[in-house]
Amino acid sequence: MPQYYFAITDNEGSQSPDDAFDLSDDNAAIQQARKTLAEMAVDGLPKDAAHPLAVRVYGPDRDLIAELRLDYSSEIYWSRCKNPPRNPTPGRSR
């Protein structure tokens, strides 16, 4: 079976693709990356749009074959909130 490598970027930082995983083909590796990204999202959404969660998939020759990202952004309309905080979170607000 071919070996695939996964590089992870989460809210803690980036991890290099050190360990190899035996998977049947590229599609199986991409499916595993999707599952991994979903599990990462359960642990917490990205901090902001500039720091997405990501899984990069490298093939047997360590060539990049896919990158899956989960981006996050929000828009809070403080002027429409009944009880806005005294010090709203920085970022885009209206």
N, C-alpha and C. Protein backbone atom coordinates (compact mmCIF):
# COMPACT_ATOMS: atom_id res chain seq x y z
N MET A 1 0.84 -1.18 0.00
CA MET A 1 0.00 0.00 0.00
C MET A 1 0.88 1.24 0.00
N PRO A 2 0.45 2.27 -0.74
CA PRO A 2 1.22 3.51 -0.74
C PRO A 2 1.14 4.22 0.62
N GLN A 3 2.15 4.99 0.91
CA GLN A 3 2.18 5.75 2.16
C GLN A 3 1.90 7.22 1.88
N TYR A 4 1.09 7.82 2.76
CA TYR A 4 0.72 9.23 2.64
C TYR A 4 1.10 9.95 3.92
N TYR A 5 1.33 11.24 3.78
CA TYR A 5 1.75 12.08 4.90
C TYR A 5 0.78 13.25 5.01
N PHE A 6 0.53 13.68 6.26
CA PHE A 6 -0.41 14.76 6.51
C PHE A 6 0.27 15.84 7.33
N ALA A 7 0.19 17.07 6.86
CA ALA A 7 0.67 18.23 7.62
C ALA A 7 -0.57 18.96 8.14
N ILE A 8 -0.56 19.26 9.42
CA ILE A 8 -1.72 19.84 10.09
C ILE A 8 -1.40 21.27 10.52
N THR A 9 -2.37 22.17 10.30
CA THR A 9 -2.30 23.52 10.87
C THR A 9 -3.59 23.72 11.64
N ASP A 10 -3.46 23.94 12.96
CA ASP A 10 -4.63 24.17 13.80
C ASP A 10 -4.40 25.40 14.66
N ASN A 11 -5.23 25.60 15.66
CA ASN A 11 -5.11 26.78 16.52
C ASN A 11 -3.85 26.76 17.38
N GLU A 12 -3.18 25.63 17.45
CA GLU A 12 -1.94 25.51 18.21
C GLU A 12 -0.71 25.77 17.35
N GLY A 13 -0.87 25.78 16.03
CA GLY A 13 0.26 25.97 15.12
C GLY A 13 0.30 24.88 14.05
N SER A 14 1.48 24.66 13.49
CA SER A 14 1.64 23.69 12.41
C SER A 14 2.44 22.48 12.86
N GLN A 15 2.10 21.34 12.29
CA GLN A 15 2.83 20.10 12.55
C GLN A 15 3.33 19.55 11.22
N SER A 16 4.57 19.16 11.18
CA SER A 16 5.17 18.60 9.96
C SER A 16 4.65 17.19 9.71
N PRO A 17 4.67 16.78 8.44
CA PRO A 17 4.20 15.43 8.11
C PRO A 17 5.27 14.38 8.37
N ASP A 18 5.43 13.97 9.61
CA ASP A 18 6.48 13.02 9.97
C ASP A 18 6.07 11.56 9.78
N ASP A 19 4.89 11.22 10.26
CA ASP A 19 4.45 9.82 10.23
C ASP A 19 3.75 9.49 8.92
N ALA A 20 4.03 8.32 8.39
CA ALA A 20 3.39 7.85 7.16
C ALA A 20 2.17 7.01 7.50
N PHE A 21 1.14 7.10 6.65
CA PHE A 21 -0.08 6.32 6.82
C PHE A 21 -0.28 5.49 5.56
N ASP A 22 -0.53 4.21 5.73
CA ASP A 22 -0.79 3.32 4.60
C ASP A 22 -2.25 3.46 4.19
N LEU A 23 -2.47 3.96 2.99
CA LEU A 23 -3.83 4.12 2.46
C LEU A 23 -3.85 3.59 1.03
N SER A 24 -5.02 3.19 0.57
CA SER A 24 -5.13 2.50 -0.72
C SER A 24 -4.79 3.37 -1.92
N ASP A 25 -5.18 4.67 -1.88
CA ASP A 25 -4.92 5.54 -3.03
C ASP A 25 -5.10 7.00 -2.63
N ASP A 26 -4.93 7.90 -3.61
CA ASP A 26 -5.05 9.34 -3.34
C ASP A 26 -6.42 9.69 -2.78
N ASN A 27 -7.47 9.11 -3.34
CA ASN A 27 -8.82 9.41 -2.88
C ASN A 27 -9.00 9.03 -1.41
N ALA A 28 -8.49 7.90 -1.01
CA ALA A 28 -8.58 7.48 0.39
C ALA A 28 -7.83 8.45 1.29
N ALA A 29 -6.70 8.96 0.82
CA ALA A 29 -5.93 9.93 1.60
C ALA A 29 -6.69 11.24 1.75
N ILE A 30 -7.35 11.68 0.68
CA ILE A 30 -8.13 12.92 0.74
C ILE A 30 -9.33 12.73 1.67
N GLN A 31 -9.97 11.57 1.62
CA GLN A 31 -11.09 11.30 2.53
C GLN A 31 -10.62 11.32 3.98
N GLN A 32 -9.45 10.78 4.24
CA GLN A 32 -8.89 10.81 5.60
C GLN A 32 -8.62 12.24 6.03
N ALA A 33 -8.14 13.07 5.11
CA ALA A 33 -7.89 14.48 5.42
C ALA A 33 -9.19 15.20 5.76
N ARG A 34 -10.26 14.90 5.04
CA ARG A 34 -11.58 15.51 5.34
C ARG A 34 -12.03 15.13 6.75
N LYS A 35 -11.88 13.87 7.08
CA LYS A 35 -12.28 13.41 8.42
C LYS A 35 -11.44 14.10 9.49
N THR A 36 -10.14 14.21 9.24
CA THR A 36 -9.24 14.87 10.19
C THR A 36 -9.63 16.33 10.37
N LEU A 37 -9.93 17.03 9.27
CA LEU A 37 -10.32 18.44 9.35
C LEU A 37 -11.62 18.60 10.14
N ALA A 38 -12.57 17.71 9.94
CA ALA A 38 -13.82 17.76 10.70
C ALA A 38 -13.57 17.55 12.19
N GLU A 39 -12.69 16.63 12.53
CA GLU A 39 -12.35 16.39 13.94
C GLU A 39 -11.65 17.61 14.54
N MET A 40 -10.82 18.27 13.75
CA MET A 40 -10.15 19.48 14.24
C MET A 40 -11.17 20.57 14.53
N ALA A 41 -12.21 20.69 13.70
CA ALA A 41 -13.23 21.73 13.88
C ALA A 41 -14.01 21.50 15.17
N VAL A 42 -14.20 20.24 15.56
CA VAL A 42 -14.89 19.94 16.81
C VAL A 42 -14.11 20.50 18.00
N ASP A 43 -12.79 20.49 17.89
CA ASP A 43 -11.94 21.02 18.96
C ASP A 43 -11.93 22.54 19.01
N GLY A 44 -12.38 23.19 17.96
CA GLY A 44 -12.45 24.65 17.95
C GLY A 44 -12.32 25.20 16.55
N LEU A 45 -13.16 26.18 16.25
CA LEU A 45 -13.10 26.84 14.95
C LEU A 45 -11.82 27.65 14.84
N PRO A 46 -11.45 28.03 13.62
CA PRO A 46 -10.26 28.87 13.46
C PRO A 46 -10.40 30.17 14.25
N LYS A 47 -9.27 30.71 14.70
CA LYS A 47 -9.28 31.95 15.47
C LYS A 47 -9.89 33.09 14.67
N ASP A 48 -9.51 33.18 13.41
CA ASP A 48 -10.00 34.23 12.52
C ASP A 48 -9.70 33.82 11.09
N ALA A 49 -10.10 34.68 10.15
CA ALA A 49 -9.94 34.35 8.73
C ALA A 49 -8.48 34.20 8.32
N ALA A 50 -7.58 34.85 9.04
CA ALA A 50 -6.16 34.79 8.69
C ALA A 50 -5.49 33.50 9.16
N HIS A 51 -6.18 32.72 9.99
CA HIS A 51 -5.60 31.49 10.55
C HIS A 51 -6.54 30.30 10.35
N PRO A 52 -6.70 29.83 9.11
CA PRO A 52 -7.61 28.70 8.88
C PRO A 52 -7.03 27.39 9.42
N LEU A 53 -7.92 26.47 9.71
CA LEU A 53 -7.49 25.10 9.98
C LEU A 53 -7.15 24.48 8.63
N ALA A 54 -6.14 23.65 8.58
CA ALA A 54 -5.75 23.08 7.29
C ALA A 54 -5.13 21.70 7.46
N VAL A 55 -5.34 20.87 6.45
CA VAL A 55 -4.68 19.58 6.35
C VAL A 55 -4.11 19.51 4.93
N ARG A 56 -2.81 19.32 4.85
CA ARG A 56 -2.14 19.15 3.56
C ARG A 56 -1.78 17.67 3.41
N VAL A 57 -2.09 17.13 2.25
CA VAL A 57 -1.87 15.71 1.97
C VAL A 57 -0.70 15.58 1.01
N TYR A 58 0.28 14.79 1.42
CA TYR A 58 1.45 14.52 0.59
C TYR A 58 1.43 13.05 0.18
N GLY A 59 1.71 12.80 -1.08
CA GLY A 59 1.71 11.45 -1.61
C GLY A 59 2.97 10.67 -1.25
N PRO A 60 3.08 9.46 -1.79
CA PRO A 60 4.22 8.59 -1.48
C PRO A 60 5.58 9.23 -1.80
N ASP A 61 5.62 10.09 -2.80
CA ASP A 61 6.87 10.78 -3.15
C ASP A 61 7.02 12.11 -2.40
N ARG A 62 6.13 12.31 -1.42
CA ARG A 62 6.08 13.55 -0.62
C ARG A 62 5.75 14.78 -1.46
N ASP A 63 5.03 14.56 -2.55
CA ASP A 63 4.53 15.66 -3.35
C ASP A 63 3.15 16.04 -2.83
N LEU A 64 2.87 17.34 -2.79
CA LEU A 64 1.58 17.83 -2.28
C LEU A 64 0.49 17.46 -3.28
N ILE A 65 -0.51 16.72 -2.82
CA ILE A 65 -1.60 16.34 -3.72
C ILE A 65 -2.92 17.02 -3.37
N ALA A 66 -3.06 17.54 -2.15
CA ALA A 66 -4.29 18.23 -1.78
C ALA A 66 -4.05 19.09 -0.55
N GLU A 67 -4.82 20.17 -0.46
CA GLU A 67 -4.84 20.99 0.75
C GLU A 67 -6.29 21.31 1.05
N LEU A 68 -6.73 20.94 2.23
CA LEU A 68 -8.09 21.20 2.66
C LEU A 68 -8.03 22.23 3.77
N ARG A 69 -8.87 23.29 3.66
CA ARG A 69 -8.86 24.37 4.64
C ARG A 69 -10.27 24.64 5.15
N LEU A 70 -10.34 25.05 6.39
CA LEU A 70 -11.59 25.51 6.97
C LEU A 70 -11.36 26.93 7.43
N ASP A 71 -12.02 27.87 6.73
CA ASP A 71 -11.90 29.29 7.07
C ASP A 71 -13.08 29.70 7.94
N TYR A 72 -12.90 30.75 8.71
CA TYR A 72 -13.95 31.24 9.58
C TYR A 72 -13.94 32.75 9.59
N SER A 73 -15.11 33.33 9.49
CA SER A 73 -15.22 34.78 9.67
C SER A 73 -16.59 35.06 10.28
N SER A 74 -16.70 36.18 10.92
CA SER A 74 -17.98 36.56 11.53
C SER A 74 -18.17 38.06 11.40
N GLU A 75 -19.40 38.45 11.46
CA GLU A 75 -19.75 39.86 11.41
C GLU A 75 -20.74 40.07 12.56
N ILE A 76 -20.39 40.93 13.50
CA ILE A 76 -21.25 41.20 14.65
C ILE A 76 -21.73 42.64 14.56
N TYR A 77 -23.03 42.81 14.64
CA TYR A 77 -23.64 44.13 14.53
C TYR A 77 -23.95 44.64 15.94
N TRP A 78 -22.93 45.18 16.60
CA TRP A 78 -23.08 45.62 17.99
C TRP A 78 -24.17 46.67 18.14
N SER A 79 -24.34 47.52 17.16
CA SER A 79 -25.36 48.57 17.26
C SER A 79 -26.77 47.98 17.31
N ARG A 80 -26.93 46.76 16.89
CA ARG A 80 -28.24 46.11 16.90
C ARG A 80 -28.44 45.21 18.12
N CYS A 81 -27.39 45.00 18.90
CA CYS A 81 -27.48 44.14 20.08
C CYS A 81 -28.14 44.89 21.23
N LYS A 82 -28.99 44.20 21.98
CA LYS A 82 -29.67 44.84 23.10
C LYS A 82 -28.74 45.08 24.27
N ASN A 83 -27.80 44.17 24.50
CA ASN A 83 -26.86 44.30 25.60
C ASN A 83 -25.44 44.06 25.11
N PRO A 84 -24.88 44.99 24.32
CA PRO A 84 -23.52 44.76 23.83
C PRO A 84 -22.51 44.84 24.96
N PRO A 85 -21.40 44.15 24.84
CA PRO A 85 -20.36 44.24 25.88
C PRO A 85 -19.75 45.63 25.89
N ARG A 86 -19.17 45.99 27.02
CA ARG A 86 -18.54 47.31 27.12
C ARG A 86 -17.33 47.42 26.21
N ASN A 87 -16.57 46.34 26.11
CA ASN A 87 -15.40 46.30 25.24
C ASN A 87 -15.59 45.18 24.22
N PRO A 88 -16.26 45.49 23.10
CA PRO A 88 -16.51 44.44 22.11
C PRO A 88 -15.21 43.85 21.57
N THR A 89 -15.31 42.62 21.12
CA THR A 89 -14.16 41.95 20.52
C THR A 89 -13.70 42.75 19.31
N PRO A 90 -12.38 42.97 19.19
CA PRO A 90 -11.89 43.70 18.02
C PRO A 90 -12.19 42.95 16.74
N GLY A 91 -12.29 43.68 15.69
CA GLY A 91 -12.57 43.08 14.39
C GLY A 91 -13.63 43.87 13.69
N ARG A 92 -14.18 43.26 12.70
CA ARG A 92 -15.21 43.96 11.94
C ARG A 92 -16.49 44.00 12.76
N SER A 93 -17.00 45.17 12.97
CA SER A 93 -18.28 45.31 13.67
C SER A 93 -19.00 46.52 13.10
N ARG A 94 -20.29 46.50 13.26
CA ARG A 94 -21.12 47.60 12.72
C ARG A 94 -22.14 48.02 13.74
